[in-house]
Amino acid sequence: MTKAIEQQLIENISIILKKSLSADATLADLREQKKASFEAIFKKDSGFHCHANTFQPYVEEVADDLLKWQANKDQQVLISLVKKIEQLFTVLGNLEQSYNV
Protein backbone atom coordinates (compact mmCIF):
# COMPACT_ATOMS: atom_id res chain seq x y z
CA MET A 1 0.00 0.00 0.00
CA THR A 2 2.80 2.43 0.88
CA LYS A 3 4.42 1.89 -2.53
CA ALA A 4 1.14 2.72 -4.27
CA ILE A 5 0.75 5.89 -2.21
CA GLU A 6 4.35 6.84 -2.90
CA GLN A 7 3.92 6.31 -6.64
CA GLN A 8 0.72 8.38 -6.72
CA LEU A 9 2.41 11.22 -4.83
CA ILE A 10 5.33 11.19 -7.27
CA GLU A 11 2.96 11.24 -10.25
CA ASN A 12 0.95 14.11 -8.77
CA ILE A 13 4.06 16.15 -8.02
CA SER A 14 5.30 15.53 -11.56
CA ILE A 15 2.01 16.84 -12.98
CA ILE A 16 2.14 19.85 -10.66
CA LEU A 17 5.70 20.59 -11.74
CA LYS A 18 4.74 20.62 -15.42
CA LYS A 19 1.67 22.76 -14.79
CA SER A 20 3.63 25.15 -12.56
CA LEU A 21 6.24 25.86 -15.22
CA SER A 22 3.52 26.96 -17.62
CA ALA A 23 1.69 28.86 -14.90
CA ASP A 24 4.83 30.74 -13.84
CA ALA A 25 5.36 31.81 -17.46
CA THR A 26 1.78 33.06 -17.57
CA LEU A 27 2.28 34.95 -14.31
CA ALA A 28 5.43 36.58 -15.71
CA ASP A 29 3.42 37.76 -18.73
CA LEU A 30 0.66 39.06 -16.48
CA ARG A 31 3.20 40.95 -14.36
CA GLU A 32 4.61 42.60 -17.50
CA GLN A 33 1.08 43.77 -18.24
CA LYS A 34 0.73 44.97 -14.62
CA LYS A 35 -2.09 42.45 -14.02
CA ALA A 36 -0.45 40.29 -11.33
CA SER A 37 0.86 42.40 -8.48
CA PHE A 38 0.21 39.99 -5.60
CA GLU A 39 2.95 39.05 -3.14
CA ALA A 40 2.18 35.35 -2.72
CA ILE A 41 0.21 32.57 -4.39
CA PHE A 42 -1.04 31.23 -1.04
CA LYS A 43 -1.96 32.98 2.20
CA LYS A 44 0.26 32.51 5.23
CA ASP A 45 -2.27 30.19 6.89
CA SER A 46 -2.39 27.82 3.89
CA GLY A 47 -0.03 25.27 5.42
CA PHE A 48 2.90 26.16 3.18
CA HIS A 49 6.07 27.41 4.83
CA CYS A 50 7.29 29.34 1.79
CA HIS A 51 5.84 32.65 0.68
CA ALA A 52 6.31 33.37 -3.04
CA ASN A 53 4.60 34.93 -6.05
CA THR A 54 5.55 32.02 -8.34
CA PHE A 55 4.70 28.34 -8.09
CA GLN A 56 8.22 26.89 -8.13
CA PRO A 57 9.02 27.44 -4.42
CA TYR A 58 5.75 25.71 -3.51
CA VAL A 59 6.57 22.78 -5.78
CA GLU A 60 10.01 22.54 -4.15
CA GLU A 61 8.40 22.52 -0.71
CA VAL A 62 6.06 19.69 -1.73
CA ALA A 63 8.99 17.72 -3.15
CA ASP A 64 10.92 18.24 0.10
CA ASP A 65 7.89 17.06 2.08
CA LEU A 66 7.75 13.93 -0.07
CA LEU A 67 11.39 13.20 0.78
CA LYS A 68 10.65 13.71 4.49
CA TRP A 69 7.69 11.34 4.29
CA GLN A 70 9.71 8.74 2.37
CA ALA A 71 12.35 8.87 5.12
CA ASN A 72 10.06 8.37 8.11
CA LYS A 73 6.53 7.50 6.84
CA ASP A 74 5.09 9.96 9.38
CA GLN A 75 1.33 10.19 8.91
CA GLN A 76 1.19 13.91 9.79
CA VAL A 77 3.75 14.68 7.09
CA LEU A 78 1.66 12.67 4.62
CA ILE A 79 -1.54 14.49 5.56
CA SER A 80 0.15 17.88 5.19
CA LEU A 81 1.69 16.83 1.87
CA VAL A 82 -1.64 15.69 0.43
CA LYS A 83 -3.33 18.94 1.51
CA LYS A 84 -0.61 20.99 -0.18
CA ILE A 85 -0.90 18.94 -3.37
CA GLU A 86 -4.68 19.47 -3.39
CA GLN A 87 -4.24 23.23 -2.99
CA LEU A 88 -1.71 23.36 -5.81
CA PHE A 89 -3.98 21.38 -8.15
CA THR A 90 -6.90 23.68 -7.31
CA VAL A 91 -5.03 26.95 -7.86
CA LEU A 92 -3.22 25.71 -10.97
CA GLY A 93 -6.53 24.46 -12.38
CA ASN A 94 -8.21 27.78 -11.73
CA LEU A 95 -5.35 29.63 -13.39
CA GLU A 96 -5.51 27.31 -16.39
CA GLN A 97 -9.26 27.92 -16.78
CA SER A 98 -8.86 31.69 -16.43
CA TYR A 99 -5.85 32.21 -18.69
CA ASN A 100 -5.61 29.07 -20.83
CA VAL A 101 -2.11 28.37 -19.52
C-alpha atoms as a PDB file:
ATOM      1  CA  MET A   1       0.000   0.000   0.000  1.00  0.00           C
ATOM      2  CA  THR A   2       2.799   2.428   0.883  1.00  0.00           C
ATOM      3  CA  LYS A   3       4.424   1.891  -2.526  1.00  0.00           C
ATOM      4  CA  ALA A   4       1.142   2.716  -4.265  1.00  0.00           C
ATOM      5  CA  ILE A   5       0.748   5.894  -2.207  1.00  0.00           C
ATOM      6  CA  GLU A   6       4.345   6.844  -2.902  1.00  0.00           C
ATOM      7  CA  GLN A   7       3.917   6.306  -6.645  1.00  0.00           C
ATOM      8  CA  GLN A   8       0.719   8.376  -6.718  1.00  0.00           C
ATOM      9  CA  LEU A   9       2.415  11.215  -4.829  1.00  0.00           C
ATOM     10  CA  ILE A  10       5.332  11.188  -7.270  1.00  0.00           C
ATOM     11  CA  GLU A  11       2.959  11.242 -10.251  1.00  0.00           C
ATOM     12  CA  ASN A  12       0.947  14.114  -8.774  1.00  0.00           C
ATOM     13  CA  ILE A  13       4.056  16.154  -8.019  1.00  0.00           C
ATOM     14  CA  SER A  14       5.301  15.530 -11.558  1.00  0.00           C
ATOM     15  CA  ILE A  15       2.009  16.839 -12.983  1.00  0.00           C
ATOM     16  CA  ILE A  16       2.142  19.848 -10.659  1.00  0.00           C
ATOM     17  CA  LEU A  17       5.703  20.594 -11.735  1.00  0.00           C
ATOM     18  CA  LYS A  18       4.741  20.619 -15.417  1.00  0.00           C
ATOM     19  CA  LYS A  19       1.672  22.760 -14.792  1.00  0.00           C
ATOM     20  CA  SER A  20       3.627  25.147 -12.559  1.00  0.00           C
ATOM     21  CA  LEU A  21       6.244  25.860 -15.224  1.00  0.00           C
ATOM     22  CA  SER A  22       3.518  26.958 -17.621  1.00  0.00           C
ATOM     23  CA  ALA A  23       1.691  28.860 -14.896  1.00  0.00           C
ATOM     24  CA  ASP A  24       4.831  30.742 -13.839  1.00  0.00           C
ATOM     25  CA  ALA A  25       5.364  31.810 -17.465  1.00  0.00           C
ATOM     26  CA  THR A  26       1.778  33.061 -17.572  1.00  0.00           C
ATOM     27  CA  LEU A  27       2.284  34.951 -14.310  1.00  0.00           C
ATOM     28  CA  ALA A  28       5.425  36.576 -15.712  1.00  0.00           C
ATOM     29  CA  ASP A  29       3.424  37.759 -18.733  1.00  0.00           C
ATOM     30  CA  LEU A  30       0.660  39.064 -16.480  1.00  0.00           C
ATOM     31  CA  ARG A  31       3.202  40.951 -14.362  1.00  0.00           C
ATOM     32  CA  GLU A  32       4.609  42.599 -17.495  1.00  0.00           C
ATOM     33  CA  GLN A  33       1.076  43.774 -18.238  1.00  0.00           C
ATOM     34  CA  LYS A  34       0.728  44.973 -14.618  1.00  0.00           C
ATOM     35  CA  LYS A  35      -2.087  42.449 -14.021  1.00  0.00           C
ATOM     36  CA  ALA A  36      -0.453  40.291 -11.327  1.00  0.00           C
ATOM     37  CA  SER A  37       0.859  42.396  -8.478  1.00  0.00           C
ATOM     38  CA  PHE A  38       0.207  39.995  -5.604  1.00  0.00           C
ATOM     39  CA  GLU A  39       2.948  39.049  -3.142  1.00  0.00           C
ATOM     40  CA  ALA A  40       2.181  35.346  -2.723  1.00  0.00           C
ATOM     41  CA  ILE A  41       0.215  32.574  -4.389  1.00  0.00           C
ATOM     42  CA  PHE A  42      -1.038  31.232  -1.044  1.00  0.00           C
ATOM     43  CA  LYS A  43      -1.960  32.982   2.201  1.00  0.00           C
ATOM     44  CA  LYS A  44       0.259  32.510   5.228  1.00  0.00           C
ATOM     45  CA  ASP A  45      -2.266  30.190   6.889  1.00  0.00           C
ATOM     46  CA  SER A  46      -2.390  27.823   3.886  1.00  0.00           C
ATOM     47  CA  GLY A  47      -0.035  25.268   5.418  1.00  0.00           C
ATOM     48  CA  PHE A  48       2.899  26.159   3.183  1.00  0.00           C
ATOM     49  CA  HIS A  49       6.067  27.412   4.832  1.00  0.00           C
ATOM     50  CA  CYS A  50       7.293  29.341   1.794  1.00  0.00           C
ATOM     51  CA  HIS A  51       5.839  32.651   0.679  1.00  0.00           C
ATOM     52  CA  ALA A  52       6.309  33.367  -3.039  1.00  0.00           C
ATOM     53  CA  ASN A  53       4.604  34.927  -6.050  1.00  0.00           C
ATOM     54  CA  THR A  54       5.555  32.019  -8.336  1.00  0.00           C
ATOM     55  CA  PHE A  55       4.699  28.336  -8.092  1.00  0.00           C
ATOM     56  CA  GLN A  56       8.222  26.893  -8.127  1.00  0.00           C
ATOM     57  CA  PRO A  57       9.016  27.444  -4.420  1.00  0.00           C
ATOM     58  CA  TYR A  58       5.753  25.715  -3.507  1.00  0.00           C
ATOM     59  CA  VAL A  59       6.571  22.780  -5.779  1.00  0.00           C
ATOM     60  CA  GLU A  60      10.009  22.545  -4.151  1.00  0.00           C
ATOM     61  CA  GLU A  61       8.402  22.519  -0.708  1.00  0.00           C
ATOM     62  CA  VAL A  62       6.062  19.688  -1.729  1.00  0.00           C
ATOM     63  CA  ALA A  63       8.993  17.716  -3.154  1.00  0.00           C
ATOM     64  CA  ASP A  64      10.919  18.240   0.101  1.00  0.00           C
ATOM     65  CA  ASP A  65       7.887  17.062   2.079  1.00  0.00           C
ATOM     66  CA  LEU A  66       7.753  13.929  -0.067  1.00  0.00           C
ATOM     67  CA  LEU A  67      11.388  13.197   0.784  1.00  0.00           C
ATOM     68  CA  LYS A  68      10.647  13.705   4.488  1.00  0.00           C
ATOM     69  CA  TRP A  69       7.694  11.339   4.285  1.00  0.00           C
ATOM     70  CA  GLN A  70       9.714   8.738   2.371  1.00  0.00           C
ATOM     71  CA  ALA A  71      12.351   8.865   5.117  1.00  0.00           C
ATOM     72  CA  ASN A  72      10.059   8.371   8.110  1.00  0.00           C
ATOM     73  CA  LYS A  73       6.530   7.504   6.844  1.00  0.00           C
ATOM     74  CA  ASP A  74       5.091   9.959   9.384  1.00  0.00           C
ATOM     75  CA  GLN A  75       1.325  10.194   8.910  1.00  0.00           C
ATOM     76  CA  GLN A  76       1.188  13.912   9.791  1.00  0.00           C
ATOM     77  CA  VAL A  77       3.749  14.679   7.091  1.00  0.00           C
ATOM     78  CA  LEU A  78       1.665  12.667   4.618  1.00  0.00           C
ATOM     79  CA  ILE A  79      -1.541  14.491   5.557  1.00  0.00           C
ATOM     80  CA  SER A  80       0.146  17.882   5.195  1.00  0.00           C
ATOM     81  CA  LEU A  81       1.686  16.832   1.874  1.00  0.00           C
ATOM     82  CA  VAL A  82      -1.638  15.686   0.430  1.00  0.00           C
ATOM     83  CA  LYS A  83      -3.332  18.940   1.505  1.00  0.00           C
ATOM     84  CA  LYS A  84      -0.614  20.993  -0.182  1.00  0.00           C
ATOM     85  CA  ILE A  85      -0.899  18.939  -3.366  1.00  0.00           C
ATOM     86  CA  GLU A  86      -4.679  19.468  -3.391  1.00  0.00           C
ATOM     87  CA  GLN A  87      -4.235  23.228  -2.990  1.00  0.00           C
ATOM     88  CA  LEU A  88      -1.711  23.361  -5.815  1.00  0.00           C
ATOM     89  CA  PHE A  89      -3.983  21.381  -8.147  1.00  0.00           C
ATOM     90  CA  THR A  90      -6.899  23.684  -7.308  1.00  0.00           C
ATOM     91  CA  VAL A  91      -5.032  26.951  -7.864  1.00  0.00           C
ATOM     92  CA  LEU A  92      -3.222  25.709 -10.968  1.00  0.00           C
ATOM     93  CA  GLY A  93      -6.526  24.456 -12.378  1.00  0.00           C
ATOM     94  CA  ASN A  94      -8.214  27.783 -11.732  1.00  0.00           C
ATOM     95  CA  LEU A  95      -5.345  29.632 -13.387  1.00  0.00           C
ATOM     96  CA  GLU A  96      -5.512  27.311 -16.391  1.00  0.00           C
ATOM     97  CA  GLN A  97      -9.257  27.924 -16.775  1.00  0.00           C
ATOM     98  CA  SER A  98      -8.860  31.686 -16.434  1.00  0.00           C
ATOM     99  CA  TYR A  99      -5.855  32.211 -18.692  1.00  0.00           C
ATOM    100  CA  ASN A 100      -5.606  29.071 -20.833  1.00  0.00           C
ATOM    101  CA  VAL A 101      -2.115  28.367 -19.516  1.00  0.00           C
END
